[in-house]
C-alpha cells in the first residue's frame, strides 16, 4: 500500500476536484470553473493504472459537446478532445517520497562534494550551463536563481546541479529539476544530488516532487534509484489549445 503524506494526497484531491459530472469504476470527470488558464483540462491516472480522474472547465465541456447522457471512459473523453481539435501537453510521471523512505533519507550522511549554490557561483554555473545541450537544459529546468540550488563537484568542477522551487502558493510542495553533464553521468552524481536537495527540502517542511516525461527513461531510472515512488501520470491542456 502506498503511504504518501497527507499534504500530497490533499493537494491532488483539491487539484482534481470540482462538480461531479461522470463517475464509474475507472473514470471520473469533474467540472471546475476555478481552474487556471493553463489547467483548463487536467488528467491524473493513479500509479496502478486502475483509475483516471479528469477535470475541465464548462467552456471545454461545451467545446467538446458533452451532454448529461454521455457514457464516458478515458478513451471516449480523449476522442472527444481530439474531435474538437484540442490537444494535451504530454503526460508527466509524478513522484514523491513515501513516509518510510523520507525517514531513511533524513538519516543519510552529507557528501563533501555536494553543497548549496548561490550568486557567488554564477561563473561556475554559467560554464556548467554552456557545457549542456539546449534539450537537456529544457528538460531539466535547473536555474541558479531558483529557491534552492545544490551542485555536485568533481575535481573542483561543477558537473551536476539540482534546483527546486515552490509548486504553488498554498501548498508546501517543491518541484525538482536535476541535470548532469554527459561526461559525468553514471557516477551517482544525480542520485546523490537528489538525496541531498530533497533531504534539505524535507528539513524545511516541504514535500519534494519529481516530474519527468513518461518516455524519459533516464529520468524514470533516476527516480527509482533515488527511492522515489510513482504517484501518478499527469497531463494537461496544450498551450495552443487553451480557450
C-alpha atoms as a PDB file:
ATOM      1  CA  UNK A   1       0.000   0.000   0.000  1.00  0.00           C
ATOM      2  CA  UNK A   2       1.298   3.442  -0.946  1.00  0.00           C
ATOM      3  CA  UNK A   3       1.977   5.685   2.011  1.00  0.00           C
ATOM      4  CA  UNK A   4       2.233   9.245   0.728  1.00  0.00           C
ATOM      5  CA  UNK A   5       1.938  12.250   3.007  1.00  0.00           C
ATOM      6  CA  UNK A   6      -1.444  13.830   3.665  1.00  0.00           C
ATOM      7  CA  UNK A   7      -0.069  17.037   2.169  1.00  0.00           C
ATOM      8  CA  UNK A   8       0.477  15.311  -1.171  1.00  0.00           C
ATOM      9  CA  UNK A   9      -2.849  13.473  -1.282  1.00  0.00           C
ATOM     10  CA  UNK A  10      -4.782  16.551  -0.138  1.00  0.00           C
ATOM     11  CA  UNK A  11      -3.097  18.648  -2.826  1.00  0.00           C
ATOM     12  CA  UNK A  12      -4.077  16.327  -5.649  1.00  0.00           C
ATOM     13  CA  UNK A  13      -7.580  15.776  -4.301  1.00  0.00           C
ATOM     14  CA  UNK A  14      -8.063  19.549  -4.344  1.00  0.00           C
ATOM     15  CA  UNK A  15      -6.335  19.972  -7.705  1.00  0.00           C
ATOM     16  CA  UNK A  16      -8.645  17.459  -9.400  1.00  0.00           C
ATOM     17  CA  UNK A  17     -11.814  18.496  -7.550  1.00  0.00           C
ATOM     18  CA  UNK A  18     -14.994  20.041  -8.923  1.00  0.00           C
ATOM     19  CA  UNK A  19     -18.648  19.331  -9.539  1.00  0.00           C
ATOM     20  CA  UNK A  20     -19.090  15.671 -10.386  1.00  0.00           C
ATOM     21  CA  UNK A  21     -20.216  15.138 -13.986  1.00  0.00           C
ATOM     22  CA  UNK A  22     -19.478  11.456 -14.515  1.00  0.00           C
ATOM     23  CA  UNK A  23     -18.103   8.588 -12.445  1.00  0.00           C
ATOM     24  CA  UNK A  24     -17.606   4.856 -12.812  1.00  0.00           C
ATOM     25  CA  UNK A  25     -15.040   2.352 -11.549  1.00  0.00           C
ATOM     26  CA  UNK A  26     -12.260   3.558 -13.854  1.00  0.00           C
ATOM     27  CA  UNK A  27     -13.039   7.138 -14.927  1.00  0.00           C
ATOM     28  CA  UNK A  28     -14.240  10.307 -13.211  1.00  0.00           C
ATOM     29  CA  UNK A  29     -14.942  13.702 -14.768  1.00  0.00           C
ATOM     30  CA  UNK A  30     -15.297  16.902 -12.761  1.00  0.00           C
ATOM     31  CA  UNK A  31     -16.303  20.403 -13.892  1.00  0.00           C
ATOM     32  CA  UNK A  32     -14.463  23.266 -12.204  1.00  0.00           C
ATOM     33  CA  UNK A  33     -14.827  26.933 -13.140  1.00  0.00           C
ATOM     34  CA  UNK A  34     -11.856  27.980 -10.996  1.00  0.00           C
ATOM     35  CA  UNK A  35      -9.162  26.174 -12.965  1.00  0.00           C
ATOM     36  CA  UNK A  36      -6.143  28.201 -14.049  1.00  0.00           C
ATOM     37  CA  UNK A  37      -5.980  29.074 -17.745  1.00  0.00           C
ATOM     38  CA  UNK A  38      -3.176  26.589 -18.378  1.00  0.00           C
ATOM     39  CA  UNK A  39      -5.094  23.917 -16.467  1.00  0.00           C
ATOM     40  CA  UNK A  40      -8.438  24.042 -18.295  1.00  0.00           C
ATOM     41  CA  UNK A  41      -8.052  20.288 -18.759  1.00  0.00           C
ATOM     42  CA  UNK A  42      -6.159  18.028 -16.367  1.00  0.00           C
ATOM     43  CA  UNK A  43      -5.976  14.256 -16.155  1.00  0.00           C
ATOM     44  CA  UNK A  44      -4.426  12.201 -13.377  1.00  0.00           C
ATOM     45  CA  UNK A  45      -4.005   8.442 -13.714  1.00  0.00           C
ATOM     46  CA  UNK A  46      -3.132   6.703 -10.458  1.00  0.00           C
ATOM     47  CA  UNK A  47       0.056   4.674 -10.243  1.00  0.00           C
ATOM     48  CA  UNK A  48      -1.610   1.269 -10.548  1.00  0.00           C
ATOM     49  CA  UNK A  49      -3.400   2.424 -13.734  1.00  0.00           C
ATOM     50  CA  UNK A  50      -6.761   1.453 -12.284  1.00  0.00           C
ATOM     51  CA  UNK A  51      -8.337   4.896 -12.352  1.00  0.00           C
ATOM     52  CA  UNK A  52      -8.212   8.164 -14.321  1.00  0.00           C
ATOM     53  CA  UNK A  53      -9.566  11.416 -12.901  1.00  0.00           C
ATOM     54  CA  UNK A  54     -10.224  14.329 -15.254  1.00  0.00           C
ATOM     55  CA  UNK A  55     -11.253  17.900 -14.528  1.00  0.00           C
ATOM     56  CA  UNK A  56     -12.265  20.548 -17.085  1.00  0.00           C
ATOM     57  CA  UNK A  57     -13.961  23.929 -17.284  1.00  0.00           C
ATOM     58  CA  UNK A  58     -17.509  24.323 -18.570  1.00  0.00           C
ATOM     59  CA  UNK A  59     -16.080  26.102 -21.633  1.00  0.00           C
ATOM     60  CA  UNK A  60     -14.181  22.942 -22.529  1.00  0.00           C
ATOM     61  CA  UNK A  61     -17.283  20.893 -21.800  1.00  0.00           C
ATOM     62  CA  UNK A  62     -19.247  22.969 -24.323  1.00  0.00           C
ATOM     63  CA  UNK A  63     -16.436  22.841 -26.883  1.00  0.00           C
ATOM     64  CA  UNK A  64     -16.355  19.043 -26.889  1.00  0.00           C
ATOM     65  CA  UNK A  65     -20.147  18.778 -26.865  1.00  0.00           C
ATOM     66  CA  UNK A  66     -20.627  16.856 -23.641  1.00  0.00           C
ATOM     67  CA  UNK A  67     -24.198  16.057 -22.705  1.00  0.00           C
ATOM     68  CA  UNK A  68     -25.540  14.614 -19.484  1.00  0.00           C
ATOM     69  CA  UNK A  69     -26.464  11.345 -21.148  1.00  0.00           C
ATOM     70  CA  UNK A  70     -22.958  10.583 -22.427  1.00  0.00           C
ATOM     71  CA  UNK A  71     -21.365   7.380 -21.179  1.00  0.00           C
ATOM     72  CA  UNK A  72     -17.695   8.147 -20.731  1.00  0.00           C
ATOM     73  CA  UNK A  73     -14.325   6.451 -20.437  1.00  0.00           C
ATOM     74  CA  UNK A  74     -10.807   7.784 -20.756  1.00  0.00           C
ATOM     75  CA  UNK A  75     -10.631   6.744 -24.407  1.00  0.00           C
ATOM     76  CA  UNK A  76     -14.028   8.288 -25.223  1.00  0.00           C
ATOM     77  CA  UNK A  77     -13.053  11.512 -23.441  1.00  0.00           C
ATOM     78  CA  UNK A  78      -9.732  11.726 -25.295  1.00  0.00           C
ATOM     79  CA  UNK A  79     -11.513  11.152 -28.603  1.00  0.00           C
ATOM     80  CA  UNK A  80     -13.942  13.979 -27.825  1.00  0.00           C
ATOM     81  CA  UNK A  81     -10.983  16.275 -27.227  1.00  0.00           C
ATOM     82  CA  UNK A  82      -9.345  15.171 -30.468  1.00  0.00           C
ATOM     83  CA  UNK A  83     -12.556  15.661 -32.453  1.00  0.00           C
ATOM     84  CA  UNK A  84     -12.789  19.206 -31.067  1.00  0.00           C
ATOM     85  CA  UNK A  85      -9.211  19.986 -32.102  1.00  0.00           C
ATOM     86  CA  UNK A  86      -7.955  20.107 -28.517  1.00  0.00           C
ATOM     87  CA  UNK A  87      -4.509  18.722 -27.744  1.00  0.00           C
ATOM     88  CA  UNK A  88      -2.863  17.753 -24.479  1.00  0.00           C
ATOM     89  CA  UNK A  89       0.611  18.837 -23.440  1.00  0.00           C
ATOM     90  CA  UNK A  90       2.032  15.347 -22.977  1.00  0.00           C
ATOM     91  CA  UNK A  91       1.992  13.360 -19.766  1.00  0.00           C
ATOM     92  CA  UNK A  92       4.496  13.554 -16.922  1.00  0.00           C
ATOM     93  CA  UNK A  93       5.128  10.967 -14.260  1.00  0.00           C
ATOM     94  CA  UNK A  94       4.829  12.466 -10.760  1.00  0.00           C
ATOM     95  CA  UNK A  95       6.964  11.041  -7.951  1.00  0.00           C
ATOM     96  CA  UNK A  96       7.157  11.620  -4.190  1.00  0.00           C
ATOM     97  CA  UNK A  97       8.872  10.039  -1.225  1.00  0.00           C
ATOM     98  CA  UNK A  98       6.693   7.744   0.827  1.00  0.00           C
ATOM     99  CA  UNK A  99       6.816   8.262   4.569  1.00  0.00           C
ATOM    100  CA  UNK A 100       9.187   5.368   5.315  1.00  0.00           C
ATOM    101  CA  UNK A 101      11.624   6.484   2.597  1.00  0.00           C
ATOM    102  CA  UNK A 102      11.587  10.049   3.907  1.00  0.00           C
ATOM    103  CA  UNK A 103      12.757   8.759   7.275  1.00  0.00           C
ATOM    104  CA  UNK A 104      15.635   6.906   5.615  1.00  0.00           C
ATOM    105  CA  UNK A 105      16.538   9.976   3.569  1.00  0.00           C
ATOM    106  CA  UNK A 106      16.713  12.208   6.626  1.00  0.00           C
ATOM    107  CA  UNK A 107      19.263   9.818   8.133  1.00  0.00           C
ATOM    108  CA  UNK A 108      21.656   9.881   5.166  1.00  0.00           C
ATOM    109  CA  UNK A 109      25.117  11.365   5.654  1.00  0.00           C
ATOM    110  CA  UNK A 110      26.255  14.539   3.910  1.00  0.00           C
ATOM    111  CA  UNK A 111      28.556  14.296   0.884  1.00  0.00           C
ATOM    112  CA  UNK A 112      31.561  16.613   0.841  1.00  0.00           C
ATOM    113  CA  UNK A 113      31.451  17.228  -2.912  1.00  0.00           C
ATOM    114  CA  UNK A 114      27.838  18.484  -2.817  1.00  0.00           C
ATOM    115  CA  UNK A 115      26.875  21.899  -1.473  1.00  0.00           C
ATOM    116  CA  UNK A 116      24.359  24.716  -1.733  1.00  0.00           C
ATOM    117  CA  UNK A 117      24.927  27.122  -4.623  1.00  0.00           C
ATOM    118  CA  UNK A 118      24.347  30.871  -4.539  1.00  0.00           C
ATOM    119  CA  UNK A 119      25.062  34.016  -6.551  1.00  0.00           C
ATOM    120  CA  UNK A 120      28.802  33.689  -5.925  1.00  0.00           C
ATOM    121  CA  UNK A 121      28.723  30.505  -8.029  1.00  0.00           C
ATOM    122  CA  UNK A 122      27.442  32.346 -11.111  1.00  0.00           C
ATOM    123  CA  UNK A 123      30.625  31.862 -13.141  1.00  0.00           C
ATOM    124  CA  UNK A 124      30.837  28.137 -12.407  1.00  0.00           C
ATOM    125  CA  UNK A 125      27.124  27.721 -13.127  1.00  0.00           C
ATOM    126  CA  UNK A 126      27.390  29.651 -16.402  1.00  0.00           C
ATOM    127  CA  UNK A 127      30.195  27.356 -17.541  1.00  0.00           C
ATOM    128  CA  UNK A 128      28.127  24.345 -16.473  1.00  0.00           C
ATOM    129  CA  UNK A 129      25.137  25.546 -18.499  1.00  0.00           C
ATOM    130  CA  UNK A 130      27.320  26.266 -21.547  1.00  0.00           C
ATOM    131  CA  UNK A 131      28.508  22.649 -21.447  1.00  0.00           C
ATOM    132  CA  UNK A 132      24.959  21.226 -21.602  1.00  0.00           C
ATOM    133  CA  UNK A 133      22.690  20.833 -24.623  1.00  0.00           C
ATOM    134  CA  UNK A 134      19.620  23.012 -25.108  1.00  0.00           C
ATOM    135  CA  UNK A 135      17.415  19.918 -24.922  1.00  0.00           C
ATOM    136  CA  UNK A 136      18.930  18.829 -21.614  1.00  0.00           C
ATOM    137  CA  UNK A 137      18.530  22.342 -20.211  1.00  0.00           C
ATOM    138  CA  UNK A 138      14.882  22.477 -21.294  1.00  0.00           C
ATOM    139  CA  UNK A 139      14.123  19.028 -19.879  1.00  0.00           C
ATOM    140  CA  UNK A 140      15.832  19.621 -16.534  1.00  0.00           C
ATOM    141  CA  UNK A 141      14.847  23.259 -15.876  1.00  0.00           C
ATOM    142  CA  UNK A 142      17.653  23.909 -13.395  1.00  0.00           C
ATOM    143  CA  UNK A 143      18.271  27.586 -12.611  1.00  0.00           C
ATOM    144  CA  UNK A 144      20.704  29.315 -10.251  1.00  0.00           C
ATOM    145  CA  UNK A 145      18.009  31.774  -9.146  1.00  0.00           C
ATOM    146  CA  UNK A 146      15.554  29.060  -8.105  1.00  0.00           C
ATOM    147  CA  UNK A 147      14.512  28.817  -4.462  1.00  0.00           C
ATOM    148  CA  UNK A 148      17.082  26.135  -3.566  1.00  0.00           C
ATOM    149  CA  UNK A 149      20.052  25.039  -5.698  1.00  0.00           C
ATOM    150  CA  UNK A 150      22.680  22.384  -4.983  1.00  0.00           C
ATOM    151  CA  UNK A 151      25.713  21.405  -7.027  1.00  0.00           C
ATOM    152  CA  UNK A 152      27.927  18.346  -7.236  1.00  0.00           C
ATOM    153  CA  UNK A 153      31.615  18.878  -7.966  1.00  0.00           C
ATOM    154  CA  UNK A 154      34.328  16.638  -9.378  1.00  0.00           C
ATOM    155  CA  UNK A 155      37.936  17.845  -9.247  1.00  0.00           C
ATOM    156  CA  UNK A 156      36.622  21.303  -8.425  1.00  0.00           C
ATOM    157  CA  UNK A 157      34.323  21.434 -11.467  1.00  0.00           C
ATOM    158  CA  UNK A 158      30.540  21.749 -11.243  1.00  0.00           C
ATOM    159  CA  UNK A 159      29.324  18.655 -13.094  1.00  0.00           C
ATOM    160  CA  UNK A 160      25.759  18.227 -11.824  1.00  0.00           C
ATOM    161  CA  UNK A 161      23.156  20.618 -10.449  1.00  0.00           C
ATOM    162  CA  UNK A 162      19.684  20.345  -8.954  1.00  0.00           C
ATOM    163  CA  UNK A 163      17.217  23.095  -8.157  1.00  0.00           C
ATOM    164  CA  UNK A 164      13.773  23.307  -6.582  1.00  0.00           C
ATOM    165  CA  UNK A 165      11.013  25.899  -6.464  1.00  0.00           C
ATOM    166  CA  UNK A 166       7.656  26.010  -4.656  1.00  0.00           C
ATOM    167  CA  UNK A 167       4.951  24.285  -6.703  1.00  0.00           C
ATOM    168  CA  UNK A 168       2.180  26.608  -5.526  1.00  0.00           C
ATOM    169  CA  UNK A 169       1.324  29.447  -3.165  1.00  0.00           C
ATOM    170  CA  UNK A 170      -0.867  27.451  -0.808  1.00  0.00           C
ATOM    171  CA  UNK A 171       0.947  24.131  -0.600  1.00  0.00           C
ATOM    172  CA  UNK A 172       4.361  23.174   0.747  1.00  0.00           C
ATOM    173  CA  UNK A 173       5.487  21.113  -2.217  1.00  0.00           C
ATOM    174  CA  UNK A 174       8.721  21.881  -4.084  1.00  0.00           C
ATOM    175  CA  UNK A 175       9.350  20.781  -7.674  1.00  0.00           C
ATOM    176  CA  UNK A 176      12.739  19.317  -8.590  1.00  0.00           C
ATOM    177  CA  UNK A 177      14.951  19.575 -11.643  1.00  0.00           C
ATOM    178  CA  UNK A 178      18.352  17.896 -11.991  1.00  0.00           C
ATOM    179  CA  UNK A 179      20.996  17.907 -14.723  1.00  0.00           C
ATOM    180  CA  UNK A 180      24.336  16.119 -15.030  1.00  0.00           C
ATOM    181  CA  UNK A 181      26.812  16.845 -17.812  1.00  0.00           C
ATOM    182  CA  UNK A 182      27.050  13.908 -20.270  1.00  0.00           C
ATOM    183  CA  UNK A 183      30.678  13.005 -19.494  1.00  0.00           C
ATOM    184  CA  UNK A 184      29.868  12.633 -15.794  1.00  0.00           C
ATOM    185  CA  UNK A 185      26.739  10.513 -15.966  1.00  0.00           C
ATOM    186  CA  UNK A 186      26.598   7.048 -14.467  1.00  0.00           C
ATOM    187  CA  UNK A 187      28.752   8.041 -11.491  1.00  0.00           C
ATOM    188  CA  UNK A 188      25.974   8.665  -8.970  1.00  0.00           C
ATOM    189  CA  UNK A 189      26.101  12.462  -9.109  1.00  0.00           C
ATOM    190  CA  UNK A 190      22.394  12.874  -9.893  1.00  0.00           C
ATOM    191  CA  UNK A 191      21.216  10.318  -7.336  1.00  0.00           C
ATOM    192  CA  UNK A 192      23.345  11.852  -4.585  1.00  0.00           C
ATOM    193  CA  UNK A 193      22.144  15.334  -5.528  1.00  0.00           C
ATOM    194  CA  UNK A 194      18.507  14.252  -5.406  1.00  0.00           C
ATOM    195  CA  UNK A 195      19.066  12.767  -1.956  1.00  0.00           C
ATOM    196  CA  UNK A 196      20.848  15.887  -0.705  1.00  0.00           C
ATOM    197  CA  UNK A 197      18.448  18.519  -2.012  1.00  0.00           C
ATOM    198  CA  UNK A 198      15.352  16.510  -1.062  1.00  0.00           C
ATOM    199  CA  UNK A 199      16.703  15.970   2.449  1.00  0.00           C
ATOM    200  CA  UNK A 200      17.237  19.728   2.721  1.00  0.00           C
ATOM    201  CA  UNK A 201      13.699  20.431   1.471  1.00  0.00           C
ATOM    202  CA  UNK A 202      12.189  17.964   3.927  1.00  0.00           C
ATOM    203  CA  UNK A 203      14.029  19.763   6.723  1.00  0.00           C
ATOM    204  CA  UNK A 204      12.223  22.936   5.585  1.00  0.00           C
ATOM    205  CA  UNK A 205       8.896  21.067   5.998  1.00  0.00           C
ATOM    206  CA  UNK A 206       8.323  20.861   2.240  1.00  0.00           C
ATOM    207  CA  UNK A 207       7.460  17.777   0.201  1.00  0.00           C
ATOM    208  CA  UNK A 208       9.871  17.086  -2.686  1.00  0.00           C
ATOM    209  CA  UNK A 209       8.180  16.487  -6.037  1.00  0.00           C
ATOM    210  CA  UNK A 210       9.931  14.946  -9.032  1.00  0.00           C
ATOM    211  CA  UNK A 211       8.412  15.090 -12.510  1.00  0.00           C
ATOM    212  CA  UNK A 212       9.589  13.697 -15.819  1.00  0.00           C
ATOM    213  CA  UNK A 213       8.162  12.896 -19.225  1.00  0.00           C
ATOM    214  CA  UNK A 214       6.985   9.315 -19.446  1.00  0.00           C
ATOM    215  CA  UNK A 215       9.404   8.488 -22.289  1.00  0.00           C
ATOM    216  CA  UNK A 216      12.459   9.894 -20.486  1.00  0.00           C
ATOM    217  CA  UNK A 217      13.876   6.548 -19.428  1.00  0.00           C
ATOM    218  CA  UNK A 218      16.974   8.007 -17.757  1.00  0.00           C
ATOM    219  CA  UNK A 219      14.821  10.204 -15.516  1.00  0.00           C
ATOM    220  CA  UNK A 220      12.488   7.316 -14.689  1.00  0.00           C
ATOM    221  CA  UNK A 221      15.531   5.265 -13.695  1.00  0.00           C
ATOM    222  CA  UNK A 222      16.858   8.151 -11.570  1.00  0.00           C
ATOM    223  CA  UNK A 223      13.558   8.340  -9.690  1.00  0.00           C
ATOM    224  CA  UNK A 224      13.768   4.641  -8.843  1.00  0.00           C
ATOM    225  CA  UNK A 225      17.441   4.871  -7.858  1.00  0.00           C
ATOM    226  CA  UNK A 226      16.659   7.835  -5.605  1.00  0.00           C
ATOM    227  CA  UNK A 227      13.973   5.991  -3.642  1.00  0.00           C
ATOM    228  CA  UNK A 228      11.058   7.986  -5.057  1.00  0.00           C
ATOM    229  CA  UNK A 229       7.688   6.328  -5.636  1.00  0.00           C
ATOM    230  CA  UNK A 230       5.388   6.932  -8.586  1.00  0.00           C
ATOM    231  CA  UNK A 231       2.237   8.771  -7.535  1.00  0.00           C
ATOM    232  CA  UNK A 232       0.575   9.009 -10.914  1.00  0.00           C
ATOM    233  CA  UNK A 233       0.640  10.187 -14.516  1.00  0.00           C
ATOM    234  CA  UNK A 234      -0.467  13.789 -15.029  1.00  0.00           C
ATOM    235  CA  UNK A 235      -1.405  15.604 -18.221  1.00  0.00           C
ATOM    236  CA  UNK A 236      -2.950  18.976 -19.021  1.00  0.00           C
ATOM    237  CA  UNK A 237      -4.127  21.059 -21.942  1.00  0.00           C
ATOM    238  CA  UNK A 238      -1.527  22.086 -24.522  1.00  0.00           C
ATOM    239  CA  UNK A 239      -0.788  25.813 -24.601  1.00  0.00           C
ATOM    240  CA  UNK A 240      -2.024  26.137 -28.200  1.00  0.00           C
ATOM    241  CA  UNK A 241      -5.413  24.622 -27.257  1.00  0.00           C
ATOM    242  CA  UNK A 242      -6.253  26.991 -24.387  1.00  0.00           C
ATOM    243  CA  UNK A 243      -9.563  28.771 -24.981  1.00  0.00           C
END
